[in-house]
Full PDB file with SEQRES, HELIX, SHEET, SSBOND, CRYST1, ORIGX, SCALE, CONECT and MASTER records, all heavy atoms in Angstrom:
SEQRES   1 A   35  LEU TYR TRP ASP PHE PHE LEU ARG HIS GLY GLU ARG PHE          
SEQRES   2 A   35  ALA ARG ASN PRO ARG VAL ALA ARG GLN VAL HIS ALA ALA          
SEQRES   3 A   35  ARG ALA LEU ALA ASP GLY ASP ALA VAL                          
HELIX    1 AA1 TYR A    2  ARG A    8  1                                   7    
HELIX    2 AA2 GLY A   10  PHE A   13  1                                   4    
HELIX    3 AA3 ALA A   20  ARG A   27  1                                   8    
CRYST1    1.000    1.000    1.000  90.00  90.00  90.00 P 1           1          
ORIGX1      1.000000  0.000000  0.000000        0.00000                         
ORIGX2      0.000000  1.000000  0.000000        0.00000                         
ORIGX3      0.000000  0.000000  1.000000        0.00000                         
SCALE1      1.000000  0.000000  0.000000        0.00000                         
SCALE2      0.000000  1.000000  0.000000        0.00000                         
SCALE3      0.000000  0.000000  1.000000        0.00000                         
ATOM      1  N   LEU A   1       0.816  -1.213   0.000  1.00  0.00           N  
ATOM      2  CA  LEU A   1       0.000   0.000   0.000  1.00  0.00           C  
ATOM      3  C   LEU A   1       0.849   1.262   0.000  1.00  0.00           C  
ATOM      4  O   LEU A   1       0.413   2.309  -0.500  1.00  0.00           O  
ATOM      5  CB  LEU A   1      -0.949  -0.013   1.199  1.00  0.00           C  
ATOM      6  CG  LEU A   1      -2.020  -1.111   1.172  1.00  0.00           C  
ATOM      7  CD1 LEU A   1      -2.873  -1.045   2.438  1.00  0.00           C  
ATOM      8  CD2 LEU A   1      -2.898  -1.002  -0.061  1.00  0.00           C  
ATOM      9  N   TYR A   2       2.046   1.187   0.550  1.00  0.00           N  
ATOM     10  CA  TYR A   2       2.955   2.339   0.524  1.00  0.00           C  
ATOM     11  C   TYR A   2       3.275   2.726  -0.924  1.00  0.00           C  
ATOM     12  O   TYR A   2       3.146   3.897  -1.310  1.00  0.00           O  
ATOM     13  CB  TYR A   2       4.233   1.979   1.275  1.00  0.00           C  
ATOM     14  CG  TYR A   2       5.378   2.948   1.105  1.00  0.00           C  
ATOM     15  CD1 TYR A   2       5.421   4.136   1.810  1.00  0.00           C  
ATOM     16  CD2 TYR A   2       6.446   2.660   0.242  1.00  0.00           C  
ATOM     17  CE1 TYR A   2       6.490   5.027   1.674  1.00  0.00           C  
ATOM     18  CE2 TYR A   2       7.511   3.533   0.096  1.00  0.00           C  
ATOM     19  CZ  TYR A   2       7.528   4.714   0.807  1.00  0.00           C  
ATOM     20  OH  TYR A   2       8.582   5.583   0.661  1.00  0.00           O  
ATOM     21  N   TRP A   3       3.671   1.736  -1.718  1.00  0.00           N  
ATOM     22  CA  TRP A   3       4.009   2.044  -3.105  1.00  0.00           C  
ATOM     23  C   TRP A   3       2.760   2.434  -3.894  1.00  0.00           C  
ATOM     24  O   TRP A   3       2.791   3.339  -4.720  1.00  0.00           O  
ATOM     25  CB  TRP A   3       4.715   0.857  -3.757  1.00  0.00           C  
ATOM     26  CG  TRP A   3       6.091   0.652  -3.202  1.00  0.00           C  
ATOM     27  CD1 TRP A   3       6.525  -0.367  -2.427  1.00  0.00           C  
ATOM     28  CD2 TRP A   3       7.203   1.525  -3.383  1.00  0.00           C  
ATOM     29  NE1 TRP A   3       7.848  -0.199  -2.083  1.00  0.00           N  
ATOM     30  CE2 TRP A   3       8.295   0.960  -2.662  1.00  0.00           C  
ATOM     31  CE3 TRP A   3       7.415   2.726  -4.058  1.00  0.00           C  
ATOM     32  CZ2 TRP A   3       9.552   1.551  -2.614  1.00  0.00           C  
ATOM     33  CZ3 TRP A   3       8.668   3.318  -4.020  1.00  0.00           C  
ATOM     34  CH2 TRP A   3       9.719   2.725  -3.293  1.00  0.00           C  
ATOM     35  N   ASP A   4       1.643   1.775  -3.624  1.00  0.00           N  
ATOM     36  CA  ASP A   4       0.401   2.131  -4.296  1.00  0.00           C  
ATOM     37  C   ASP A   4      -0.037   3.552  -3.940  1.00  0.00           C  
ATOM     38  O   ASP A   4      -0.571   4.273  -4.795  1.00  0.00           O  
ATOM     39  CB  ASP A   4      -0.687   1.123  -3.897  1.00  0.00           C  
ATOM     40  CG  ASP A   4      -1.999   1.378  -4.592  1.00  0.00           C  
ATOM     41  OD1 ASP A   4      -2.043   1.257  -5.834  1.00  0.00           O  
ATOM     42  OD2 ASP A   4      -2.978   1.720  -3.898  1.00  0.00           O  
ATOM     43  N   PHE A   5       0.211   3.959  -2.697  1.00  0.00           N  
ATOM     44  CA  PHE A   5      -0.143   5.313  -2.263  1.00  0.00           C  
ATOM     45  C   PHE A   5       0.560   6.358  -3.119  1.00  0.00           C  
ATOM     46  O   PHE A   5      -0.062   7.326  -3.583  1.00  0.00           O  
ATOM     47  CB  PHE A   5       0.228   5.485  -0.788  1.00  0.00           C  
ATOM     48  CG  PHE A   5       0.012   6.868  -0.242  1.00  0.00           C  
ATOM     49  CD1 PHE A   5      -1.223   7.276   0.216  1.00  0.00           C  
ATOM     50  CD2 PHE A   5       1.072   7.778  -0.179  1.00  0.00           C  
ATOM     51  CE1 PHE A   5      -1.426   8.553   0.726  1.00  0.00           C  
ATOM     52  CE2 PHE A   5       0.888   9.058   0.320  1.00  0.00           C  
ATOM     53  CZ  PHE A   5      -0.372   9.455   0.774  1.00  0.00           C  
ATOM     54  N   PHE A   6       1.858   6.175  -3.346  1.00  0.00           N  
ATOM     55  CA  PHE A   6       2.591   7.176  -4.126  1.00  0.00           C  
ATOM     56  C   PHE A   6       2.296   7.064  -5.617  1.00  0.00           C  
ATOM     57  O   PHE A   6       2.421   8.061  -6.348  1.00  0.00           O  
ATOM     58  CB  PHE A   6       4.089   7.086  -3.834  1.00  0.00           C  
ATOM     59  CG  PHE A   6       4.450   7.712  -2.514  1.00  0.00           C  
ATOM     60  CD1 PHE A   6       4.860   6.922  -1.448  1.00  0.00           C  
ATOM     61  CD2 PHE A   6       4.339   9.074  -2.325  1.00  0.00           C  
ATOM     62  CE1 PHE A   6       5.178   7.491  -0.222  1.00  0.00           C  
ATOM     63  CE2 PHE A   6       4.644   9.650  -1.103  1.00  0.00           C  
ATOM     64  CZ  PHE A   6       5.060   8.860  -0.044  1.00  0.00           C  
ATOM     65  N   LEU A   7       1.877   5.897  -6.082  1.00  0.00           N  
ATOM     66  CA  LEU A   7       1.407   5.813  -7.460  1.00  0.00           C  
ATOM     67  C   LEU A   7       0.073   6.538  -7.617  1.00  0.00           C  
ATOM     68  O   LEU A   7      -0.147   7.249  -8.601  1.00  0.00           O  
ATOM     69  CB  LEU A   7       1.253   4.345  -7.877  1.00  0.00           C  
ATOM     70  CG  LEU A   7       2.560   3.573  -8.087  1.00  0.00           C  
ATOM     71  CD1 LEU A   7       2.282   2.088  -8.271  1.00  0.00           C  
ATOM     72  CD2 LEU A   7       3.325   4.122  -9.292  1.00  0.00           C  
ATOM     73  N   ARG A   8      -0.820   6.389  -6.633  1.00  0.00           N  
ATOM     74  CA  ARG A   8      -2.122   7.049  -6.687  1.00  0.00           C  
ATOM     75  C   ARG A   8      -2.010   8.561  -6.570  1.00  0.00           C  
ATOM     76  O   ARG A   8      -2.756   9.315  -7.195  1.00  0.00           O  
ATOM     77  CB  ARG A   8      -3.020   6.519  -5.569  1.00  0.00           C  
ATOM     78  CG  ARG A   8      -3.691   5.193  -5.853  1.00  0.00           C  
ATOM     79  CD  ARG A   8      -4.621   4.796  -4.727  1.00  0.00           C  
ATOM     80  NE  ARG A   8      -3.916   4.253  -3.582  1.00  0.00           N  
ATOM     81  CZ  ARG A   8      -4.093   4.639  -2.327  1.00  0.00           C  
ATOM     82  NH1 ARG A   8      -4.920   5.630  -2.046  1.00  0.00           N  
ATOM     83  NH2 ARG A   8      -3.438   4.064  -1.348  1.00  0.00           N  
ATOM     84  N   HIS A   9      -1.088   9.015  -5.719  1.00  0.00           N  
ATOM     85  CA  HIS A   9      -1.017  10.446  -5.397  1.00  0.00           C  
ATOM     86  C   HIS A   9       0.258  11.098  -5.931  1.00  0.00           C  
ATOM     87  O   HIS A   9       0.703  12.119  -5.405  1.00  0.00           O  
ATOM     88  CB  HIS A   9      -1.096  10.628  -3.879  1.00  0.00           C  
ATOM     89  CG  HIS A   9      -2.388  10.166  -3.294  1.00  0.00           C  
ATOM     90  ND1 HIS A   9      -3.580  10.802  -3.536  1.00  0.00           N  
ATOM     91  CD2 HIS A   9      -2.667   9.112  -2.475  1.00  0.00           C  
ATOM     92  CE1 HIS A   9      -4.550  10.172  -2.892  1.00  0.00           C  
ATOM     93  NE2 HIS A   9      -4.029   9.148  -2.249  1.00  0.00           N  
ATOM     94  N   GLY A  10       0.798  10.522  -6.978  1.00  0.00           N  
ATOM     95  CA  GLY A  10       2.052  11.039  -7.524  1.00  0.00           C  
ATOM     96  C   GLY A  10       1.986  12.487  -7.959  1.00  0.00           C  
ATOM     97  O   GLY A  10       2.922  13.262  -7.710  1.00  0.00           O  
ATOM     98  N   GLU A  11       0.907  12.874  -8.612  1.00  0.00           N  
ATOM     99  CA  GLU A  11       0.805  14.249  -9.094  1.00  0.00           C  
ATOM    100  C   GLU A  11       0.849  15.246  -7.946  1.00  0.00           C  
ATOM    101  O   GLU A  11       1.472  16.298  -8.032  1.00  0.00           O  
ATOM    102  CB  GLU A  11      -0.477  14.424  -9.911  1.00  0.00           C  
ATOM    103  CG  GLU A  11      -0.451  13.736 -11.268  1.00  0.00           C  
ATOM    104  CD  GLU A  11       0.699  14.230 -12.133  1.00  0.00           C  
ATOM    105  OE1 GLU A  11       0.917  15.468 -12.188  1.00  0.00           O  
ATOM    106  OE2 GLU A  11       1.390  13.391 -12.727  1.00  0.00           O  
ATOM    107  N   ARG A  12       0.183  14.916  -6.850  1.00  0.00           N  
ATOM    108  CA  ARG A  12       0.149  15.826  -5.707  1.00  0.00           C  
ATOM    109  C   ARG A  12       1.521  15.974  -5.067  1.00  0.00           C  
ATOM    110  O   ARG A  12       1.905  17.085  -4.664  1.00  0.00           O  
ATOM    111  CB  ARG A  12      -0.862  15.340  -4.664  1.00  0.00           C  
ATOM    112  CG  ARG A  12      -0.807  16.137  -3.351  1.00  0.00           C  
ATOM    113  CD  ARG A  12      -1.845  15.679  -2.375  1.00  0.00           C  
ATOM    114  NE  ARG A  12      -3.173  16.092  -2.758  1.00  0.00           N  
ATOM    115  CZ  ARG A  12      -3.714  17.273  -2.459  1.00  0.00           C  
ATOM    116  NH1 ARG A  12      -3.016  18.173  -1.778  1.00  0.00           N  
ATOM    117  NH2 ARG A  12      -4.926  17.572  -2.839  1.00  0.00           N  
ATOM    118  N   PHE A  13       2.271  14.874  -4.950  1.00  0.00           N  
ATOM    119  CA  PHE A  13       3.499  14.899  -4.145  1.00  0.00           C  
ATOM    120  C   PHE A  13       4.788  14.958  -4.960  1.00  0.00           C  
ATOM    121  O   PHE A  13       5.874  14.978  -4.373  1.00  0.00           O  
ATOM    122  CB  PHE A  13       3.532  13.681  -3.222  1.00  0.00           C  
ATOM    123  CG  PHE A  13       2.440  13.684  -2.193  1.00  0.00           C  
ATOM    124  CD1 PHE A  13       1.496  12.666  -2.142  1.00  0.00           C  
ATOM    125  CD2 PHE A  13       2.331  14.722  -1.285  1.00  0.00           C  
ATOM    126  CE1 PHE A  13       0.484  12.672  -1.204  1.00  0.00           C  
ATOM    127  CE2 PHE A  13       1.316  14.750  -0.344  1.00  0.00           C  
ATOM    128  CZ  PHE A  13       0.391  13.721  -0.305  1.00  0.00           C  
ATOM    129  N   ALA A  14       4.695  14.996  -6.266  1.00  0.00           N  
ATOM    130  CA  ALA A  14       5.900  14.969  -7.101  1.00  0.00           C  
ATOM    131  C   ALA A  14       6.798  16.170  -6.851  1.00  0.00           C  
ATOM    132  O   ALA A  14       8.021  16.087  -7.042  1.00  0.00           O  
ATOM    133  CB  ALA A  14       5.513  14.905  -8.576  1.00  0.00           C  
ATOM    134  N   ARG A  15       6.204  17.288  -6.412  1.00  0.00           N  
ATOM    135  CA  ARG A  15       6.993  18.497  -6.183  1.00  0.00           C  
ATOM    136  C   ARG A  15       7.196  18.794  -4.696  1.00  0.00           C  
ATOM    137  O   ARG A  15       7.725  19.844  -4.348  1.00  0.00           O  
ATOM    138  CB  ARG A  15       6.330  19.697  -6.872  1.00  0.00           C  
ATOM    139  CG  ARG A  15       6.345  19.605  -8.384  1.00  0.00           C  
ATOM    140  CD  ARG A  15       5.657  20.808  -9.036  1.00  0.00           C  
ATOM    141  NE  ARG A  15       5.695  20.716 -10.479  1.00  0.00           N  
ATOM    142  CZ  ARG A  15       4.838  20.023 -11.210  1.00  0.00           C  
ATOM    143  NH1 ARG A  15       3.851  19.370 -10.606  1.00  0.00           N  
ATOM    144  NH2 ARG A  15       4.938  19.994 -12.520  1.00  0.00           N  
ATOM    145  N   ASN A  16       6.772  17.860  -3.855  1.00  0.00           N  
ATOM    146  CA  ASN A  16       6.997  18.028  -2.416  1.00  0.00           C  
ATOM    147  C   ASN A  16       8.425  17.571  -2.108  1.00  0.00           C  
ATOM    148  O   ASN A  16       8.745  16.396  -2.268  1.00  0.00           O  
ATOM    149  CB  ASN A  16       5.985  17.182  -1.635  1.00  0.00           C  
ATOM    150  CG  ASN A  16       6.084  17.378  -0.128  1.00  0.00           C  
ATOM    151  OD1 ASN A  16       7.168  17.404   0.445  1.00  0.00           O  
ATOM    152  ND2 ASN A  16       4.945  17.490   0.542  1.00  0.00           N  
ATOM    153  N   PRO A  17       9.308  18.471  -1.663  1.00  0.00           N  
ATOM    154  CA  PRO A  17      10.717  18.093  -1.500  1.00  0.00           C  
ATOM    155  C   PRO A  17      10.943  16.977  -0.488  1.00  0.00           C  
ATOM    156  O   PRO A  17      11.968  16.300  -0.537  1.00  0.00           O  
ATOM    157  CB  PRO A  17      11.386  19.399  -1.061  1.00  0.00           C  
ATOM    158  CG  PRO A  17      10.272  20.244  -0.504  1.00  0.00           C  
ATOM    159  CD  PRO A  17       9.065  19.883  -1.286  1.00  0.00           C  
ATOM    160  N   ARG A  18       9.981  16.759   0.415  1.00  0.00           N  
ATOM    161  CA  ARG A  18      10.185  15.739   1.445  1.00  0.00           C  
ATOM    162  C   ARG A  18       9.831  14.340   0.956  1.00  0.00           C  
ATOM    163  O   ARG A  18      10.258  13.363   1.580  1.00  0.00           O  
ATOM    164  CB  ARG A  18       9.382  16.090   2.698  1.00  0.00           C  
ATOM    165  CG  ARG A  18       9.776  17.415   3.332  1.00  0.00           C  
ATOM    166  CD  ARG A  18       9.206  17.572   4.716  1.00  0.00           C  
ATOM    167  NE  ARG A  18       9.778  16.626   5.658  1.00  0.00           N  
ATOM    168  CZ  ARG A  18       9.332  16.450   6.899  1.00  0.00           C  
ATOM    169  NH1 ARG A  18       8.287  17.150   7.326  1.00  0.00           N  
ATOM    170  NH2 ARG A  18       9.898  15.587   7.706  1.00  0.00           N  
ATOM    171  N   VAL A  19       9.038  14.231  -0.110  1.00  0.00           N  
ATOM    172  CA  VAL A  19       8.655  12.896  -0.589  1.00  0.00           C  
ATOM    173  C   VAL A  19       8.770  12.749  -2.100  1.00  0.00           C  
ATOM    174  O   VAL A  19       8.370  11.721  -2.653  1.00  0.00           O  
ATOM    175  CB  VAL A  19       7.220  12.525  -0.138  1.00  0.00           C  
ATOM    176  CG1 VAL A  19       7.148  12.341   1.366  1.00  0.00           C  
ATOM    177  CG2 VAL A  19       6.207  13.552  -0.620  1.00  0.00           C  
ATOM    178  N   ALA A  20       9.309  13.736  -2.791  1.00  0.00           N  
ATOM    179  CA  ALA A  20       9.419  13.646  -4.254  1.00  0.00           C  
ATOM    180  C   ALA A  20      10.238  12.432  -4.681  1.00  0.00           C  
ATOM    181  O   ALA A  20       9.942  11.801  -5.710  1.00  0.00           O  
ATOM    182  CB  ALA A  20      10.038  14.931  -4.807  1.00  0.00           C  
ATOM    183  N   ARG A  21      11.244  12.088  -3.907  1.00  0.00           N  
ATOM    184  CA  ARG A  21      12.068  10.930  -4.260  1.00  0.00           C  
ATOM    185  C   ARG A  21      11.252   9.643  -4.227  1.00  0.00           C  
ATOM    186  O   ARG A  21      11.422   8.759  -5.076  1.00  0.00           O  
ATOM    187  CB  ARG A  21      13.263  10.826  -3.312  1.00  0.00           C  
ATOM    188  CG  ARG A  21      14.258   9.738  -3.690  1.00  0.00           C  
ATOM    189  CD  ARG A  21      15.499   9.801  -2.839  1.00  0.00           C  
ATOM    190  NE  ARG A  21      15.202   9.546  -1.428  1.00  0.00           N  
ATOM    191  CZ  ARG A  21      16.134   9.476  -0.471  1.00  0.00           C  
ATOM    192  NH1 ARG A  21      17.400   9.685  -0.784  1.00  0.00           N  
ATOM    193  NH2 ARG A  21      15.785   9.249   0.776  1.00  0.00           N  
ATOM    194  N   GLN A  22      10.348   9.527  -3.258  1.00  0.00           N  
ATOM    195  CA  GLN A  22       9.499   8.336  -3.180  1.00  0.00           C  
ATOM    196  C   GLN A  22       8.557   8.257  -4.387  1.00  0.00           C  
ATOM    197  O   GLN A  22       8.305   7.168  -4.909  1.00  0.00           O  
ATOM    198  CB  GLN A  22       8.690   8.337  -1.883  1.00  0.00           C  
ATOM    199  CG  GLN A  22       9.527   8.079  -0.635  1.00  0.00           C  
ATOM    200  CD  GLN A  22      10.031   9.349   0.021  1.00  0.00           C  
ATOM    201  OE1 GLN A  22      10.537  10.239  -0.663  1.00  0.00           O  
ATOM    202  NE2 GLN A  22       9.891   9.433   1.329  1.00  0.00           N  
ATOM    203  N   VAL A  23       8.035   9.395  -4.815  1.00  0.00           N  
ATOM    204  CA  VAL A  23       7.171   9.405  -5.990  1.00  0.00           C  
ATOM    205  C   VAL A  23       7.944   8.946  -7.216  1.00  0.00           C  
ATOM    206  O   VAL A  23       7.470   8.111  -8.013  1.00  0.00           O  
ATOM    207  CB  VAL A  23       6.578  10.812  -6.219  1.00  0.00           C  
ATOM    208  CG1 VAL A  23       5.820  10.869  -7.543  1.00  0.00           C  
ATOM    209  CG2 VAL A  23       5.669  11.200  -5.066  1.00  0.00           C  
ATOM    210  N   HIS A  24       9.143   9.458  -7.380  1.00  0.00           N  
ATOM    211  CA  HIS A  24       9.976   9.071  -8.517  1.00  0.00           C  
ATOM    212  C   HIS A  24      10.276   7.571  -8.483  1.00  0.00           C  
ATOM    213  O   HIS A  24      10.199   6.887  -9.517  1.00  0.00           O  
ATOM    214  CB  HIS A  24      11.284   9.865  -8.504  1.00  0.00           C  
ATOM    215  CG  HIS A  24      12.227   9.499  -9.606  1.00  0.00           C  
ATOM    216  ND1 HIS A  24      12.024   9.881 -10.922  1.00  0.00           N  
ATOM    217  CD2 HIS A  24      13.372   8.742  -9.597  1.00  0.00           C  
ATOM    218  CE1 HIS A  24      13.007   9.388 -11.672  1.00  0.00           C  
ATOM    219  NE2 HIS A  24      13.836   8.708 -10.892  1.00  0.00           N  
ATOM    220  N   ALA A  25      10.598   7.054  -7.291  1.00  0.00           N  
ATOM    221  CA  ALA A  25      10.898   5.626  -7.167  1.00  0.00           C  
ATOM    222  C   ALA A  25       9.671   4.779  -7.474  1.00  0.00           C  
ATOM    223  O   ALA A  25       9.777   3.709  -8.114  1.00  0.00           O  
ATOM    224  CB  ALA A  25      11.410   5.323  -5.766  1.00  0.00           C  
ATOM    225  N   ALA A  26       8.490   5.234  -7.037  1.00  0.00           N  
ATOM    226  CA  ALA A  26       7.263   4.476  -7.324  1.00  0.00           C  
ATOM    227  C   ALA A  26       6.993   4.435  -8.824  1.00  0.00           C  
ATOM    228  O   ALA A  26       6.635   3.382  -9.381  1.00  0.00           O  
ATOM    229  CB  ALA A  26       6.084   5.110  -6.582  1.00  0.00           C  
ATOM    230  N   ARG A  27       7.167   5.548  -9.480  1.00  0.00           N  
ATOM    231  CA  ARG A  27       6.924   5.601 -10.922  1.00  0.00           C  
ATOM    232  C   ARG A  27       7.933   4.779 -11.716  1.00  0.00           C  
ATOM    233  O   ARG A  27       7.644   4.363 -12.852  1.00  0.00           O  
ATOM    234  CB  ARG A  27       6.947   7.051 -11.389  1.00  0.00           C  
ATOM    235  CG  ARG A  27       5.726   7.850 -10.927  1.00  0.00           C  
ATOM    236  CD  ARG A  27       5.849   9.324 -11.244  1.00  0.00           C  
ATOM    237  NE  ARG A  27       4.582  10.024 -11.052  1.00  0.00           N  
ATOM    238  CZ  ARG A  27       4.446  11.342 -11.146  1.00  0.00           C  
ATOM    239  NH1 ARG A  27       5.504  12.112 -11.423  1.00  0.00           N  
ATOM    240  NH2 ARG A  27       3.250  11.903 -10.967  1.00  0.00           N  
ATOM    241  N   ALA A  28       9.084   4.537 -11.123  1.00  0.00           N  
ATOM    242  CA  ALA A  28      10.123   3.771 -11.810  1.00  0.00           C  
ATOM    243  C   ALA A  28      10.012   2.261 -11.572  1.00  0.00           C  
ATOM    244  O   ALA A  28      10.802   1.487 -12.133  1.00  0.00           O  
ATOM    245  CB  ALA A  28      11.502   4.260 -11.354  1.00  0.00           C  
ATOM    246  N   LEU A  29       9.056   1.832 -10.755  1.00  0.00           N  
ATOM    247  CA  LEU A  29       8.931   0.407 -10.460  1.00  0.00           C  
ATOM    248  C   LEU A  29       8.615  -0.384 -11.728  1.00  0.00           C  
ATOM    249  O   LEU A  29       7.689  -0.051 -12.476  1.00  0.00           O  
ATOM    250  CB  LEU A  29       7.811   0.170  -9.436  1.00  0.00           C  
ATOM    251  CG  LEU A  29       8.045   0.657  -8.002  1.00  0.00           C  
ATOM    252  CD1 LEU A  29       6.776   0.439  -7.179  1.00  0.00           C  
ATOM    253  CD2 LEU A  29       9.224  -0.072  -7.370  1.00  0.00           C  
ATOM    254  N   ALA A  30       9.346  -1.459 -11.922  1.00  0.00           N  
ATOM    255  CA  ALA A  30       9.069  -2.324 -13.069  1.00  0.00           C  
ATOM    256  C   ALA A  30       7.780  -3.111 -12.870  1.00  0.00           C  
ATOM    257  O   ALA A  30       7.140  -3.526 -13.853  1.00  0.00           O  
ATOM    258  CB  ALA A  30      10.248  -3.277 -13.291  1.00  0.00           C  
ATOM    259  N   ASP A  31       7.404  -3.337 -11.620  1.00  0.00           N  
ATOM    260  CA  ASP A  31       6.205  -4.126 -11.329  1.00  0.00           C  
ATOM    261  C   ASP A  31       5.065  -3.252 -10.813  1.00  0.00           C  
ATOM    262  O   ASP A  31       4.239  -3.700 -10.010  1.00  0.00           O  
ATOM    263  CB  ASP A  31       6.523  -5.228 -10.320  1.00  0.00           C  
ATOM    264  CG  ASP A  31       7.074  -4.681  -8.997  1.00  0.00           C  
ATOM    265  OD1 ASP A  31       7.344  -3.466  -8.914  1.00  0.00           O  
ATOM    266  OD2 ASP A  31       7.221  -5.474  -8.057  1.00  0.00           O  
ATOM    267  N   GLY A  32       4.999  -2.016 -11.303  1.00  0.00           N  
ATOM    268  CA  GLY A  32       3.968  -1.098 -10.828  1.00  0.00           C  
ATOM    269  C   GLY A  32       2.559  -1.630 -11.033  1.00  0.00           C  
ATOM    270  O   GLY A  32       1.698  -1.492 -10.148  1.00  0.00           O  
ATOM    271  N   ASP A  33       2.281  -2.254 -12.171  1.00  0.00           N  
ATOM    272  CA  ASP A  33       0.945  -2.796 -12.416  1.00  0.00           C  
ATOM    273  C   ASP A  33       0.631  -3.926 -11.444  1.00  0.00           C  
ATOM    274  O   ASP A  33      -0.509  -4.038 -10.948  1.00  0.00           O  
ATOM    275  CB  ASP A  33       0.828  -3.304 -13.851  1.00  0.00           C  
ATOM    276  CG  ASP A  33       0.816  -2.171 -14.871  1.00  0.00           C  
ATOM    277  OD1 ASP A  33       0.549  -1.015 -14.469  1.00  0.00           O  
ATOM    278  OD2 ASP A  33       1.078  -2.434 -16.061  1.00  0.00           O  
ATOM    279  N   ALA A  34       1.634  -4.752 -11.142  1.00  0.00           N  
ATOM    280  CA  ALA A  34       1.420  -5.841 -10.184  1.00  0.00           C  
ATOM    281  C   ALA A  34       1.192  -5.290  -8.780  1.00  0.00           C  
ATOM    282  O   ALA A  34       0.401  -5.852  -8.001  1.00  0.00           O  
ATOM    283  CB  ALA A  34       2.614  -6.789 -10.196  1.00  0.00           C  
ATOM    284  N   VAL A  35       1.868  -4.194  -8.450  1.00  0.00           N  
ATOM    285  CA  VAL A  35       1.646  -3.554  -7.152  1.00  0.00           C  
ATOM    286  C   VAL A  35       0.213  -3.068  -7.050  1.00  0.00           C  
ATOM    287  O   VAL A  35      -0.466  -3.271  -6.028  1.00  0.00           O  
ATOM    288  CB  VAL A  35       2.633  -2.389  -6.955  1.00  0.00           C  
ATOM    289  CG1 VAL A  35       2.220  -1.536  -5.755  1.00  0.00           C  
ATOM    290  CG2 VAL A  35       4.043  -2.907  -6.768  1.00  0.00           C  
TER     291      VAL A  35                                                      
MASTER        0    0    0    3    0    0    0    6  290    1    0    3          
END                                                                             
């Protein structure tokens, strides 16, 4: 659910300096659809 959370809310948090890295990592997951 952690990774799904940042996939769901990526647009909101992509520019938040405290969690932008997590958004980028979630979007880069090779198994994002499986998540």
